[in-house]
Amino acid sequence: EPEPDRKKESKISKAVKKLVNWEEDKNQEDMAWKVAEMIVKDICSVTMPTEFNNCPTQDDPS
Protein backbone atom coordinates (compact mmCIF):
# COMPACT_ATOMS: atom_id res chain seq x y z
CA GLU A 1 0.00 0.00 0.00
CA PRO A 2 1.55 3.37 -0.97
CA GLU A 3 2.32 5.86 1.73
CA PRO A 4 -0.07 8.85 1.85
CA ASP A 5 2.80 11.37 1.59
CA ARG A 6 4.16 9.57 -1.45
CA LYS A 7 0.76 9.71 -3.17
CA LYS A 8 0.41 13.45 -2.50
CA GLU A 9 3.92 14.02 -3.78
CA SER A 10 3.01 12.24 -6.97
CA LYS A 11 -0.05 14.45 -7.49
CA ILE A 12 2.03 17.55 -6.83
CA SER A 13 4.69 16.35 -9.26
CA LYS A 14 2.06 15.81 -11.94
CA ALA A 15 0.63 19.29 -11.37
CA VAL A 16 4.07 20.87 -11.63
CA LYS A 17 4.82 18.96 -14.83
CA LYS A 18 1.54 20.16 -16.35
CA LEU A 19 2.35 23.73 -15.36
CA VAL A 20 5.82 23.51 -16.88
CA ASN A 21 4.40 22.06 -20.10
CA TRP A 22 1.77 24.82 -20.16
CA GLU A 23 4.50 27.46 -19.81
CA GLU A 24 6.50 25.86 -22.63
CA ASP A 25 3.39 25.73 -24.82
CA LYS A 26 2.64 29.38 -24.03
CA ASN A 27 6.19 30.39 -24.96
CA GLN A 28 5.96 28.46 -28.23
CA GLU A 29 2.61 30.08 -29.01
CA ASP A 30 4.01 33.55 -28.30
CA MET A 31 6.98 32.85 -30.56
CA ALA A 32 4.67 31.59 -33.32
CA TRP A 33 2.61 34.80 -33.13
CA LYS A 34 5.80 36.91 -33.38
CA VAL A 35 6.99 34.94 -36.40
CA ALA A 36 3.55 35.25 -38.04
CA GLU A 37 3.57 39.00 -37.43
CA MET A 38 7.02 39.32 -39.01
CA ILE A 39 5.84 37.35 -42.06
CA VAL A 40 2.75 39.55 -42.46
CA LYS A 41 4.85 42.71 -42.17
CA ASP A 42 7.32 41.41 -44.75
CA ILE A 43 4.52 40.54 -47.18
CA CYS A 44 2.87 43.94 -46.64
CA SER A 45 6.15 45.77 -47.21
CA VAL A 46 6.65 43.94 -50.52
CA THR A 47 3.09 44.04 -51.84
CA MET A 48 1.76 47.38 -50.62
CA PRO A 49 3.01 50.86 -51.46
CA THR A 50 4.60 52.60 -48.49
CA GLU A 51 1.89 55.27 -48.29
CA PHE A 52 -0.82 52.61 -47.95
CA ASN A 53 1.16 50.24 -45.77
CA ASN A 54 -1.17 49.82 -42.79
CA CYS A 55 -0.19 46.31 -41.81
CA PRO A 56 -1.88 45.12 -38.63
CA THR A 57 0.28 44.43 -35.62
CA GLN A 58 -0.34 42.33 -32.55
CA ASP A 59 -0.71 45.51 -30.46
CA ASP A 60 -3.14 47.00 -32.98
CA PRO A 61 -6.78 46.61 -31.79
CA SER A 62 -8.17 46.32 -35.35
PDB file of N, CA and C in Angstrom:
ATOM      1  N   GLU A   1       0.854  -1.185   0.000  1.00  0.00           N
ATOM      2  CA  GLU A   1       0.000   0.000   0.000  1.00  0.00           C
ATOM      3  C   GLU A   1       0.898   1.246   0.000  1.00  0.00           C
ATOM      4  N   PRO A   2       0.690   2.183  -0.924  1.00  0.00           N
ATOM      5  CA  PRO A   2       1.549   3.374  -0.972  1.00  0.00           C
ATOM      6  C   PRO A   2       1.326   4.269   0.241  1.00  0.00           C
ATOM      7  N   GLU A   3       2.403   4.926   0.607  1.00  0.00           N
ATOM      8  CA  GLU A   3       2.319   5.856   1.734  1.00  0.00           C
ATOM      9  C   GLU A   3       1.531   7.088   1.298  1.00  0.00           C
ATOM     10  N   PRO A   4       0.737   7.665   2.215  1.00  0.00           N
ATOM     11  CA  PRO A   4      -0.067   8.851   1.854  1.00  0.00           C
ATOM     12  C   PRO A   4       0.788  10.017   1.370  1.00  0.00           C
ATOM     13  N   ASP A   5       1.937  10.264   2.010  1.00  0.00           N
ATOM     14  CA  ASP A   5       2.803  11.365   1.587  1.00  0.00           C
ATOM     15  C   ASP A   5       3.321  11.141   0.169  1.00  0.00           C
ATOM     16  N   ARG A   6       3.641   9.911  -0.116  1.00  0.00           N
ATOM     17  CA  ARG A   6       4.157   9.572  -1.447  1.00  0.00           C
ATOM     18  C   ARG A   6       3.093   9.841  -2.519  1.00  0.00           C
ATOM     19  N   LYS A   7       1.855   9.497  -2.224  1.00  0.00           N
ATOM     20  CA  LYS A   7       0.762   9.709  -3.174  1.00  0.00           C
ATOM     21  C   LYS A   7       0.543  11.206  -3.418  1.00  0.00           C
ATOM     22  N   LYS A   8       0.570  12.002  -2.356  1.00  0.00           N
ATOM     23  CA  LYS A   8       0.414  13.453  -2.499  1.00  0.00           C
ATOM     24  C   LYS A   8       1.567  14.026  -3.313  1.00  0.00           C
ATOM     25  N   GLU A   9       2.755  13.543  -3.054  1.00  0.00           N
ATOM     26  CA  GLU A   9       3.917  14.022  -3.779  1.00  0.00           C
ATOM     27  C   GLU A   9       3.759  13.737  -5.274  1.00  0.00           C
ATOM     28  N   SER A  10       3.228  12.600  -5.579  1.00  0.00           N
ATOM     29  CA  SER A  10       3.013  12.236  -6.972  1.00  0.00           C
ATOM     30  C   SER A  10       2.014  13.189  -7.635  1.00  0.00           C
ATOM     31  N   LYS A  11       0.944  13.519  -6.939  1.00  0.00           N
ATOM     32  CA  LYS A  11      -0.047  14.455  -7.487  1.00  0.00           C
ATOM     33  C   LYS A  11       0.570  15.833  -7.679  1.00  0.00           C
ATOM     34  N   ILE A  12       1.371  16.247  -6.718  1.00  0.00           N
ATOM     35  CA  ILE A  12       2.032  17.554  -6.833  1.00  0.00           C
ATOM     36  C   ILE A  12       2.997  17.542  -8.011  1.00  0.00           C
ATOM     37  N   SER A  13       3.746  16.467  -8.146  1.00  0.00           N
ATOM     38  CA  SER A  13       4.687  16.354  -9.264  1.00  0.00           C
ATOM     39  C   SER A  13       3.966  16.442 -10.600  1.00  0.00           C
ATOM     40  N   LYS A  14       2.843  15.762 -10.703  1.00  0.00           N
ATOM     41  CA  LYS A  14       2.065  15.807 -11.945  1.00  0.00           C
ATOM     42  C   LYS A  14       1.574  17.226 -12.229  1.00  0.00           C
ATOM     43  N   ALA A  15       1.121  17.918 -11.196  1.00  0.00           N
ATOM     44  CA  ALA A  15       0.629  19.289 -11.371  1.00  0.00           C
ATOM     45  C   ALA A  15       1.754  20.206 -11.833  1.00  0.00           C
ATOM     46  N   VAL A  16       2.928  20.034 -11.242  1.00  0.00           N
ATOM     47  CA  VAL A  16       4.074  20.869 -11.626  1.00  0.00           C
ATOM     48  C   VAL A  16       4.469  20.577 -13.072  1.00  0.00           C
ATOM     49  N   LYS A  17       4.474  19.313 -13.450  1.00  0.00           N
ATOM     50  CA  LYS A  17       4.823  18.958 -14.830  1.00  0.00           C
ATOM     51  C   LYS A  17       3.834  19.569 -15.812  1.00  0.00           C
ATOM     52  N   LYS A  18       2.546  19.547 -15.477  1.00  0.00           N
ATOM     53  CA  LYS A  18       1.537  20.155 -16.349  1.00  0.00           C
ATOM     54  C   LYS A  18       1.772  21.654 -16.467  1.00  0.00           C
ATOM     55  N   LEU A  19       2.099  22.291 -15.346  1.00  0.00           N
ATOM     56  CA  LEU A  19       2.347  23.733 -15.358  1.00  0.00           C
ATOM     57  C   LEU A  19       3.557  24.057 -16.219  1.00  0.00           C
ATOM     58  N   VAL A  20       4.614  23.280 -16.082  1.00  0.00           N
ATOM     59  CA  VAL A  20       5.819  23.508 -16.877  1.00  0.00           C
ATOM     60  C   VAL A  20       5.502  23.330 -18.356  1.00  0.00           C
ATOM     61  N   ASN A  21       4.772  22.278 -18.695  1.00  0.00           N
ATOM     62  CA  ASN A  21       4.400  22.063 -20.096  1.00  0.00           C
ATOM     63  C   ASN A  21       3.529  23.201 -20.603  1.00  0.00           C
ATOM     64  N   TRP A  22       2.630  23.704 -19.762  1.00  0.00           N
ATOM     65  CA  TRP A  22       1.772  24.818 -20.160  1.00  0.00           C
ATOM     66  C   TRP A  22       2.627  26.047 -20.452  1.00  0.00           C
ATOM     67  N   GLU A  23       3.619  26.307 -19.593  1.00  0.00           N
ATOM     68  CA  GLU A  23       4.500  27.459 -19.808  1.00  0.00           C
ATOM     69  C   GLU A  23       5.272  27.303 -21.117  1.00  0.00           C
ATOM     70  N   GLU A  24       5.773  26.099 -21.387  1.00  0.00           N
ATOM     71  CA  GLU A  24       6.497  25.862 -22.634  1.00  0.00           C
ATOM     72  C   GLU A  24       5.574  26.061 -23.828  1.00  0.00           C
ATOM     73  N   ASP A  25       4.354  25.557 -23.741  1.00  0.00           N
ATOM     74  CA  ASP A  25       3.385  25.733 -24.822  1.00  0.00           C
ATOM     75  C   ASP A  25       3.084  27.208 -25.032  1.00  0.00           C
ATOM     76  N   LYS A  26       2.934  27.950 -23.943  1.00  0.00           N
ATOM     77  CA  LYS A  26       2.643  29.383 -24.027  1.00  0.00           C
ATOM     78  C   LYS A  26       3.802  30.112 -24.710  1.00  0.00           C
ATOM     79  N   ASN A  27       5.029  29.762 -24.337  1.00  0.00           N
ATOM     80  CA  ASN A  27       6.194  30.389 -24.958  1.00  0.00           C
ATOM     81  C   ASN A  27       6.259  30.072 -26.449  1.00  0.00           C
ATOM     82  N   GLN A  28       5.961  28.834 -26.818  1.00  0.00           N
ATOM     83  CA  GLN A  28       5.956  28.458 -28.231  1.00  0.00           C
ATOM     84  C   GLN A  28       4.862  29.203 -28.986  1.00  0.00           C
ATOM     85  N   GLU A  29       3.702  29.356 -28.369  1.00  0.00           N
ATOM     86  CA  GLU A  29       2.608  30.081 -29.011  1.00  0.00           C
ATOM     87  C   GLU A  29       2.986  31.549 -29.206  1.00  0.00           C
ATOM     88  N   ASP A  30       3.586  32.161 -28.182  1.00  0.00           N
ATOM     89  CA  ASP A  30       4.015  33.554 -28.299  1.00  0.00           C
ATOM     90  C   ASP A  30       5.033  33.716 -29.427  1.00  0.00           C
ATOM     91  N   MET A  31       5.972  32.784 -29.507  1.00  0.00           N
ATOM     92  CA  MET A  31       6.981  32.847 -30.560  1.00  0.00           C
ATOM     93  C   MET A  31       6.332  32.680 -31.933  1.00  0.00           C
ATOM     94  N   ALA A  32       5.368  31.791 -32.043  1.00  0.00           N
ATOM     95  CA  ALA A  32       4.666  31.586 -33.317  1.00  0.00           C
ATOM     96  C   ALA A  32       3.940  32.856 -33.749  1.00  0.00           C
ATOM     97  N   TRP A  33       3.303  33.549 -32.796  1.00  0.00           N
ATOM     98  CA  TRP A  33       2.613  34.801 -33.130  1.00  0.00           C
ATOM     99  C   TRP A  33       3.612  35.853 -33.606  1.00  0.00           C
ATOM    100  N   LYS A  34       4.776  35.932 -32.966  1.00  0.00           N
ATOM    101  CA  LYS A  34       5.798  36.907 -33.377  1.00  0.00           C
ATOM    102  C   LYS A  34       6.299  36.607 -34.786  1.00  0.00           C
ATOM    103  N   VAL A  35       6.537  35.333 -35.067  1.00  0.00           N
ATOM    104  CA  VAL A  35       6.987  34.944 -36.405  1.00  0.00           C
ATOM    105  C   VAL A  35       5.909  35.265 -37.436  1.00  0.00           C
ATOM    106  N   ALA A  36       4.658  34.952 -37.118  1.00  0.00           N
ATOM    107  CA  ALA A  36       3.554  35.249 -38.037  1.00  0.00           C
ATOM    108  C   ALA A  36       3.462  36.749 -38.301  1.00  0.00           C
ATOM    109  N   GLU A  37       3.628  37.537 -37.257  1.00  0.00           N
ATOM    110  CA  GLU A  37       3.572  38.996 -37.427  1.00  0.00           C
ATOM    111  C   GLU A  37       4.705  39.481 -38.334  1.00  0.00           C
ATOM    112  N   MET A  38       5.900  38.933 -38.159  1.00  0.00           N
ATOM    113  CA  MET A  38       7.024  39.316 -39.015  1.00  0.00           C
ATOM    114  C   MET A  38       6.749  38.948 -40.472  1.00  0.00           C
ATOM    115  N   ILE A  39       6.162  37.777 -40.689  1.00  0.00           N
ATOM    116  CA  ILE A  39       5.841  37.347 -42.056  1.00  0.00           C
ATOM    117  C   ILE A  39       4.821  38.286 -42.687  1.00  0.00           C
ATOM    118  N   VAL A  40       3.777  38.637 -41.940  1.00  0.00           N
ATOM    119  CA  VAL A  40       2.750  39.549 -42.462  1.00  0.00           C
ATOM    120  C   VAL A  40       3.364  40.907 -42.784  1.00  0.00           C
ATOM    121  N   LYS A  41       4.208  41.414 -41.908  1.00  0.00           N
ATOM    122  CA  LYS A  41       4.853  42.712 -42.166  1.00  0.00           C
ATOM    123  C   LYS A  41       5.731  42.650 -43.408  1.00  0.00           C
ATOM    124  N   ASP A  42       6.481  41.555 -43.559  1.00  0.00           N
ATOM    125  CA  ASP A  42       7.325  41.410 -44.747  1.00  0.00           C
ATOM    126  C   ASP A  42       6.483  41.382 -46.018  1.00  0.00           C
ATOM    127  N   ILE A  43       5.397  40.628 -46.003  1.00  0.00           N
ATOM    128  CA  ILE A  43       4.523  40.544 -47.177  1.00  0.00           C
ATOM    129  C   ILE A  43       3.910  41.906 -47.480  1.00  0.00           C
ATOM    130  N   CYS A  44       3.460  42.606 -46.442  1.00  0.00           N
ATOM    131  CA  CYS A  44       2.872  43.940 -46.642  1.00  0.00           C
ATOM    132  C   CYS A  44       3.902  44.902 -47.224  1.00  0.00           C
ATOM    133  N   SER A  45       5.133  44.835 -46.732  1.00  0.00           N
ATOM    134  CA  SER A  45       6.151  45.768 -47.212  1.00  0.00           C
ATOM    135  C   SER A  45       6.499  45.512 -48.675  1.00  0.00           C
ATOM    136  N   VAL A  46       6.346  44.278 -49.132  1.00  0.00           N
ATOM    137  CA  VAL A  46       6.652  43.944 -50.521  1.00  0.00           C
ATOM    138  C   VAL A  46       5.464  44.220 -51.441  1.00  0.00           C
ATOM    139  N   THR A  47       4.256  43.967 -50.956  1.00  0.00           N
ATOM    140  CA  THR A  47       3.085  44.036 -51.839  1.00  0.00           C
ATOM    141  C   THR A  47       2.315  45.342 -51.782  1.00  0.00           C
ATOM    142  N   MET A  48       2.529  46.141 -50.753  1.00  0.00           N
ATOM    143  CA  MET A  48       1.765  47.383 -50.623  1.00  0.00           C
ATOM    144  C   MET A  48       2.696  48.583 -50.744  1.00  0.00           C
ATOM    145  N   PRO A  49       2.219  49.623 -51.422  1.00  0.00           N
ATOM    146  CA  PRO A  49       3.011  50.856 -51.459  1.00  0.00           C
ATOM    147  C   PRO A  49       3.194  51.404 -50.039  1.00  0.00           C
ATOM    148  N   THR A  50       4.283  52.085 -49.821  1.00  0.00           N
ATOM    149  CA  THR A  50       4.601  52.603 -48.492  1.00  0.00           C
ATOM    150  C   THR A  50       3.503  53.495 -47.941  1.00  0.00           C
ATOM    151  N   GLU A  51       2.912  54.341 -48.782  1.00  0.00           N
ATOM    152  CA  GLU A  51       1.892  55.269 -48.290  1.00  0.00           C
ATOM    153  C   GLU A  51       0.617  54.561 -47.839  1.00  0.00           C
ATOM    154  N   PHE A  52       0.374  53.355 -48.345  1.00  0.00           N
ATOM    155  CA  PHE A  52      -0.820  52.606 -47.953  1.00  0.00           C
ATOM    156  C   PHE A  52      -0.495  51.429 -47.039  1.00  0.00           C
ATOM    157  N   ASN A  53       0.713  51.382 -46.567  1.00  0.00           N
ATOM    158  CA  ASN A  53       1.159  50.240 -45.774  1.00  0.00           C
ATOM    159  C   ASN A  53       0.640  50.342 -44.346  1.00  0.00           C
ATOM    160  N   ASN A  54      -0.558  49.842 -44.129  1.00  0.00           N
ATOM    161  CA  ASN A  54      -1.165  49.823 -42.794  1.00  0.00           C
ATOM    162  C   ASN A  54      -1.280  48.384 -42.312  1.00  0.00           C
ATOM    163  N   CYS A  55      -0.171  47.708 -42.242  1.00  0.00           N
ATOM    164  CA  CYS A  55      -0.187  46.313 -41.806  1.00  0.00           C
ATOM    165  C   CYS A  55      -0.611  46.235 -40.349  1.00  0.00           C
ATOM    166  N   PRO A  56      -1.477  45.292 -40.037  1.00  0.00           N
ATOM    167  CA  PRO A  56      -1.878  45.124 -38.633  1.00  0.00           C
ATOM    168  C   PRO A  56      -0.727  44.574 -37.804  1.00  0.00           C
ATOM    169  N   THR A  57      -0.705  44.967 -36.553  1.00  0.00           N
ATOM    170  CA  THR A  57       0.280  44.427 -35.622  1.00  0.00           C
ATOM    171  C   THR A  57      -0.457  43.779 -34.472  1.00  0.00           C
ATOM    172  N   GLN A  58       0.274  43.026 -33.680  1.00  0.00           N
ATOM    173  CA  GLN A  58      -0.342  42.334 -32.550  1.00  0.00           C
ATOM    174  C   GLN A  58      -0.900  43.339 -31.548  1.00  0.00           C
ATOM    175  N   ASP A  59      -0.259  44.493 -31.410  1.00  0.00           N
ATOM    176  CA  ASP A  59      -0.706  45.514 -30.462  1.00  0.00           C
ATOM    177  C   ASP A  59      -1.869  46.327 -31.007  1.00  0.00           C
ATOM    178  N   ASP A  60      -2.092  46.235 -32.323  1.00  0.00           N
ATOM    179  CA  ASP A  60      -3.143  47.001 -32.981  1.00  0.00           C
ATOM    180  C   ASP A  60      -4.509  46.387 -32.671  1.00  0.00           C
ATOM    181  N   PRO A  61      -5.473  47.167 -32.155  1.00  0.00           N
ATOM    182  CA  PRO A  61      -6.777  46.611 -31.790  1.00  0.00           C
ATOM    183  C   PRO A  61      -7.640  46.194 -32.974  1.00  0.00           C
ATOM    184  N   SER A  62      -7.325  46.645 -34.197  1.00  0.00           N
ATOM    185  CA  SER A  62      -8.173  46.321 -35.352  1.00  0.00           C
ATOM    186  C   SER A  62      -7.954  44.940 -35.885  1.00  0.00           C
TER     187      SER A  62
END
